[in-house]
Structure formats: structure tokens, C-alpha cells
Amino acid sequence: MRKIKFLSALIVIALFFASCDDSSTKTTLIDFEDVTLGSTGISTMSSFQTAGFTFTGDPIQFWNGGVICSSQNDTVTAGYLNQYSCIAGFGASQSVKFGVLYYPAYITCPINVNGDYTFKSIMVNNSTYAYLDMKNGNAPYSKKFVSGDWFKLNIKGFYSKVETASVDVYLADFRDGKSFIMKEWKKVDVSSLGKVDSISFSFSSSDNGDYGMNTPAYVCIDNIEFTQKVTEEK
């Protein structure tokens, strides 16, 4: 009898705390598929919106950095005139559209109307420009990657302008006998960034010169998954 009363008490307590939890987790995927593109297959304005987020990147002055939405799929033409193509020839999961990011670039979360943001994963891949540049070189501006070379993407999270954590992704790695240049979409776990209100992207490379990094500072991004703890109205 005492055991029954004890179990009943535990159930009552559990139900009480469950009733007090008036929040739920909302998961959203940014896949860029709803973005309107121009006749050349890229977003033509200095910013575009999708899933409530605003991405900034002016195609006329892309050297200033940012994010462009693209559907360009040229995997064979080398050079900066093909800067908006992904080496896979399509977006993540063979979708049509994806983001092309050039340094410096950020993802800034909208005003928190539904709760704090926690990013779970981002899919990344090399642009055709960067991939062919590393594979074949582009003398005299950059080198063909050989043993010991590498190209790395760094993703940092921020909350109230304070860095939360960072995640590194090798887009090319020729160290320790490897000869890897990313050509397929890769899902990157960024949950370790924790609660954030912005994310920054930066690059580093073994190929550097008098004016900084020689490797083109591009990466393609897609299927950005994030969650929010949504507080329900009573």
C-alpha cells in the first residue's frame, strides 16, 4: 500500500511540473528554396529574406563580403567569374538553391519573438571557384595544393556580442598523407555554439602572401537548422 501511495505521489509531482512547462521547441530549416533569383541564377538585391532571416550580400560589390543566394551549377569553369557556383553542381540534398558566402559574412538572428536561437547544423561545400583554385592552382595568385596544405572554415557563435564557442571545418586537407578537397555536401554539427543571436564565418589557409590569404575565401551553405524554445501563451 505504501509503495502504491509513493508511486502515486511521484506521478502527481511529475504531472505538476509538466503542467508548469509552458514552452516547446520549434525547429526551422533554412533551405533558400523560396528566394527569388534573377535571370542569371543569383539573388540580385543587396539583401534577401528567408525563414524570417535577412541575408546581406550585394552581387555588384560582393568583394565586401556577405551571402548571395544562387542556383548556378557550373562545376568546370575556373576563376572568379564563376564565383557563385557550387562544386557539387546543386544544393544540399540535390536542391536547386543554396547560399554562397564570401568573407566577411554573418548570420544575425531576427528579434526574438519566439525565444532564444540554438543552431543545430549547417551543410557546407566548396564553391567551384575555390575548389578548382586549390586543385589546379591559379598562378601567380594562388598555388595548387600539395602535401601539408589546408583550407579551413571557422564558425563562431555570439550572444550579446560575447563569443559562445567555435567550430572548425576543413574544406581541404593535405596534411598527414591526406589529399582531400571537399566536393560533396557535409553536415556540420554546430550545436556546441549554444544559445546565440549571431554567427560569424571566417577562413584560414596554408597558402598566404603579402596581402593575406591567397585561397578564395568562399564557402557554399545550405539547410541551416536551428531551434527555438517557444513560450506558449496561457
Protein backbone atom coordinates (compact mmCIF):
# COMPACT_ATOMS: atom_id res chain seq x y z
CA MET A 1 0.00 0.00 0.00
CA ARG A 2 2.86 2.38 0.89
CA LYS A 3 4.50 1.65 -2.48
CA ILE A 4 1.28 2.48 -4.31
CA LYS A 5 0.91 5.76 -2.42
CA PHE A 6 4.57 6.61 -3.11
CA LEU A 7 4.22 5.94 -6.86
CA SER A 8 1.00 7.94 -6.96
CA ALA A 9 2.79 10.87 -5.33
CA LEU A 10 5.59 10.71 -7.91
CA ILE A 11 3.04 10.74 -10.75
CA VAL A 12 1.28 13.77 -9.26
CA ILE A 13 4.60 15.62 -8.91
CA ALA A 14 5.58 14.78 -12.50
CA LEU A 15 2.24 15.98 -13.81
CA PHE A 16 2.57 19.18 -11.81
CA PHE A 17 5.95 20.05 -13.29
CA ALA A 18 4.80 19.09 -16.79
CA SER A 19 1.84 21.45 -16.45
CA CYS A 20 4.21 24.23 -15.36
CA ASP A 21 6.35 23.81 -18.50
CA ASP A 22 4.50 26.06 -20.93
CA SER A 23 7.25 26.04 -23.58
CA SER A 24 8.08 23.88 -26.57
CA THR A 25 10.92 23.57 -29.06
CA LYS A 26 10.39 24.78 -32.61
CA THR A 27 12.77 23.54 -35.33
CA THR A 28 13.25 25.51 -38.56
CA LEU A 29 15.28 24.73 -41.70
CA ILE A 30 16.70 27.49 -43.90
CA ASP A 31 16.98 25.88 -47.35
CA PHE A 32 16.88 29.02 -49.57
CA GLU A 33 14.31 27.43 -51.89
CA ASP A 34 11.80 30.29 -51.50
CA VAL A 35 14.28 33.02 -52.52
CA THR A 36 13.54 34.79 -55.81
CA LEU A 37 16.51 34.78 -58.21
CA GLY A 38 17.32 36.88 -61.24
CA SER A 39 17.84 35.71 -64.80
CA THR A 40 21.48 34.79 -64.08
CA GLY A 41 20.51 32.46 -61.24
CA ILE A 42 21.54 34.61 -58.26
CA SER A 43 19.76 36.97 -55.87
CA THR A 44 20.01 40.44 -57.38
CA MET A 45 19.28 42.72 -54.42
CA SER A 46 21.71 43.72 -51.66
CA SER A 47 19.74 41.53 -49.22
CA PHE A 48 17.11 38.79 -49.25
CA GLN A 49 14.88 37.14 -46.68
CA THR A 50 14.05 33.52 -45.97
CA ALA A 51 12.65 31.77 -42.88
CA GLY A 52 12.48 35.14 -41.12
CA PHE A 53 16.20 35.79 -41.56
CA THR A 54 17.74 38.58 -43.64
CA PHE A 55 20.94 37.73 -45.53
CA THR A 56 23.07 40.61 -46.79
CA GLY A 57 25.34 40.41 -49.82
CA ASP A 58 25.46 42.82 -52.75
CA PRO A 59 26.21 40.97 -56.02
CA ILE A 60 27.54 44.21 -57.54
CA GLN A 61 30.02 44.68 -54.69
CA PHE A 62 30.43 41.13 -53.41
CA TRP A 63 34.06 41.83 -52.57
CA ASN A 64 32.68 43.47 -49.43
CA GLY A 65 31.51 40.05 -48.25
CA GLY A 66 28.14 38.56 -47.35
CA VAL A 67 25.80 35.86 -48.61
CA ILE A 68 24.27 35.51 -52.09
CA CYS A 69 21.54 33.00 -52.94
CA SER A 70 22.42 31.04 -56.08
CA SER A 71 21.31 28.25 -58.36
CA GLN A 72 24.40 28.38 -60.61
CA ASN A 73 25.82 24.90 -61.22
CA ASP A 74 28.95 25.32 -63.37
CA THR A 75 31.46 22.81 -62.00
CA VAL A 76 34.16 23.18 -64.68
CA THR A 77 34.88 26.88 -65.21
CA ALA A 78 37.75 28.17 -63.08
CA GLY A 79 38.18 31.71 -61.79
CA TYR A 80 36.25 34.45 -60.03
CA LEU A 81 33.81 34.92 -62.92
CA ASN A 82 32.31 31.63 -61.71
CA GLN A 83 32.20 32.62 -58.04
CA TYR A 84 28.52 31.73 -57.47
CA SER A 85 28.60 28.01 -58.40
CA CYS A 86 28.86 25.05 -56.03
CA ILE A 87 31.31 22.28 -56.96
CA ALA A 88 28.61 19.66 -56.32
CA GLY A 89 26.51 21.18 -59.12
CA PHE A 90 23.46 21.58 -56.86
CA GLY A 91 22.40 22.48 -53.33
CA ALA A 92 22.30 20.13 -50.36
CA SER A 93 20.11 17.04 -50.91
CA GLN A 94 20.27 17.90 -54.65
CA SER A 95 18.15 21.01 -54.17
CA VAL A 96 18.16 23.88 -56.64
CA LYS A 97 19.24 26.82 -54.46
CA PHE A 98 21.91 27.41 -51.84
CA GLY A 99 23.86 30.25 -50.27
CA VAL A 100 27.31 31.38 -51.41
CA LEU A 101 29.25 33.05 -48.61
CA TYR A 102 32.25 35.32 -49.07
CA TYR A 103 34.28 36.64 -46.15
CA PRO A 104 33.36 38.60 -44.06
CA ALA A 105 29.86 37.21 -43.54
CA TYR A 106 27.43 36.81 -40.67
CA ILE A 107 24.06 35.32 -39.82
CA THR A 108 22.22 37.69 -37.49
CA CYS A 109 19.12 36.31 -35.81
CA PRO A 110 15.87 38.31 -36.05
CA ILE A 111 14.33 39.86 -32.93
CA ASN A 112 13.49 37.06 -30.51
CA VAL A 113 9.73 36.95 -30.79
CA ASN A 114 9.67 33.19 -30.22
CA GLY A 115 12.56 32.60 -27.86
CA ASP A 116 16.31 32.07 -28.00
CA TYR A 117 18.01 30.56 -31.03
CA THR A 118 20.17 27.43 -30.95
CA PHE A 119 21.70 26.36 -34.26
CA LYS A 120 21.93 22.61 -34.71
CA SER A 121 23.67 22.09 -38.05
CA ILE A 122 24.79 23.76 -41.27
CA MET A 123 25.58 21.96 -44.52
CA VAL A 124 28.69 23.25 -46.29
CA ASN A 125 30.60 22.63 -49.51
CA ASN A 126 33.27 24.29 -51.61
CA SER A 127 32.45 26.75 -54.33
CA THR A 128 33.64 25.78 -57.79
CA TYR A 129 35.99 28.79 -57.73
CA ALA A 130 37.74 27.75 -54.51
CA TYR A 131 37.75 24.04 -55.36
CA LEU A 132 39.42 24.40 -58.77
CA ASP A 133 41.79 27.02 -57.38
CA MET A 134 43.06 24.56 -54.78
CA LYS A 135 43.04 21.59 -57.15
CA ASN A 136 44.91 23.21 -60.06
CA GLY A 137 46.34 26.46 -58.73
CA ASN A 138 45.91 29.92 -60.23
CA ALA A 139 49.43 31.27 -60.74
CA PRO A 140 50.65 33.80 -59.82
CA TYR A 141 47.80 34.42 -57.36
CA SER A 142 47.48 31.08 -55.60
CA LYS A 143 49.06 27.65 -55.57
CA LYS A 144 48.00 24.12 -56.35
CA PHE A 145 47.58 22.35 -53.03
CA VAL A 146 50.30 19.82 -52.19
CA SER A 147 51.34 17.86 -49.12
CA GLY A 148 50.92 19.91 -45.95
CA ASP A 149 48.37 22.37 -47.35
CA TRP A 150 44.92 23.04 -45.87
CA PHE A 151 41.90 25.37 -46.08
CA LYS A 152 39.69 25.82 -43.04
CA LEU A 153 36.31 27.39 -42.26
CA ASN A 154 35.74 28.74 -38.76
CA ILE A 155 32.17 29.22 -37.46
CA LYS A 156 31.75 31.28 -34.29
CA GLY A 157 28.64 31.84 -32.20
CA PHE A 158 27.86 35.05 -30.30
CA TYR A 159 25.30 36.02 -27.71
CA SER A 160 25.05 39.67 -26.66
CA LYS A 161 28.37 40.24 -28.50
CA VAL A 162 30.14 37.62 -26.37
CA GLU A 163 31.63 34.60 -28.16
CA THR A 164 29.97 31.35 -27.09
CA ALA A 165 32.11 28.74 -28.91
CA SER A 166 33.56 27.96 -32.33
CA VAL A 167 33.60 25.07 -34.80
CA ASP A 168 36.31 24.38 -37.40
CA VAL A 169 35.67 22.63 -40.71
CA TYR A 170 38.44 21.63 -43.11
CA LEU A 171 37.35 22.39 -46.68
CA ALA A 172 40.65 20.95 -47.89
CA ASP A 173 43.28 18.93 -46.04
CA PHE A 174 46.58 17.69 -47.44
CA ARG A 175 48.23 17.07 -44.08
CA ASP A 176 49.47 13.68 -42.83
CA GLY A 177 49.22 11.96 -46.20
CA LYS A 178 45.68 13.16 -46.99
CA SER A 179 44.68 14.74 -50.33
CA PHE A 180 41.15 15.91 -49.54
CA ILE A 181 39.25 18.79 -51.13
CA MET A 182 35.58 18.84 -50.18
CA LYS A 183 33.33 18.17 -53.17
CA GLU A 184 30.20 16.73 -51.55
CA TRP A 185 27.87 18.49 -49.14
CA LYS A 186 28.84 17.92 -45.50
CA LYS A 187 26.53 18.34 -42.50
CA VAL A 188 28.38 20.21 -39.75
CA ASP A 189 27.18 19.91 -36.16
CA VAL A 190 27.21 23.42 -34.64
CA SER A 191 25.10 22.67 -31.56
CA SER A 192 28.15 23.33 -29.38
CA LEU A 193 27.77 27.05 -30.15
CA GLY A 194 24.84 27.03 -27.72
CA LYS A 195 22.36 29.88 -27.43
CA VAL A 196 23.28 32.58 -29.97
CA ASP A 197 21.99 35.74 -31.57
CA SER A 198 24.57 35.80 -34.39
CA ILE A 199 27.10 33.59 -36.15
CA SER A 200 30.26 34.66 -37.96
CA PHE A 201 32.25 32.87 -40.67
CA SER A 202 35.97 33.26 -41.33
CA PHE A 203 38.69 31.35 -43.17
CA SER A 204 42.35 30.41 -42.86
CA SER A 205 44.70 28.64 -45.25
CA SER A 206 48.24 27.39 -45.62
CA ASP A 207 48.51 29.49 -48.82
CA ASN A 208 49.21 33.09 -47.82
CA GLY A 209 51.02 36.04 -49.36
CA ASP A 210 51.95 39.65 -48.70
CA TYR A 211 48.28 40.69 -48.73
CA GLY A 212 46.85 37.84 -46.70
CA MET A 213 45.23 34.56 -47.69
CA ASN A 214 45.58 33.52 -51.35
CA THR A 215 42.88 30.82 -51.31
CA PRO A 216 39.48 32.29 -52.38
CA ALA A 217 37.52 32.93 -49.16
CA TYR A 218 34.26 31.30 -50.28
CA VAL A 219 32.02 28.53 -49.00
CA CYS A 220 28.58 27.29 -50.03
CA ILE A 221 25.99 26.84 -47.26
CA ASP A 222 22.56 25.20 -47.17
CA ASN A 223 19.99 23.52 -44.89
CA ILE A 224 20.74 25.65 -41.84
CA GLU A 225 18.83 24.01 -38.99
CA PHE A 226 18.02 25.89 -35.79
CA THR A 227 15.67 25.53 -32.86
CA GLN A 228 13.86 27.99 -30.60
CA LYS A 229 12.40 27.47 -27.16
CA VAL A 230 8.95 28.89 -27.76
CA THR A 231 6.97 30.10 -24.77
CA GLU A 232 3.30 29.31 -25.16
CA GLU A 233 0.70 31.90 -24.24
CA LYS A 234 -1.58 30.79 -21.39
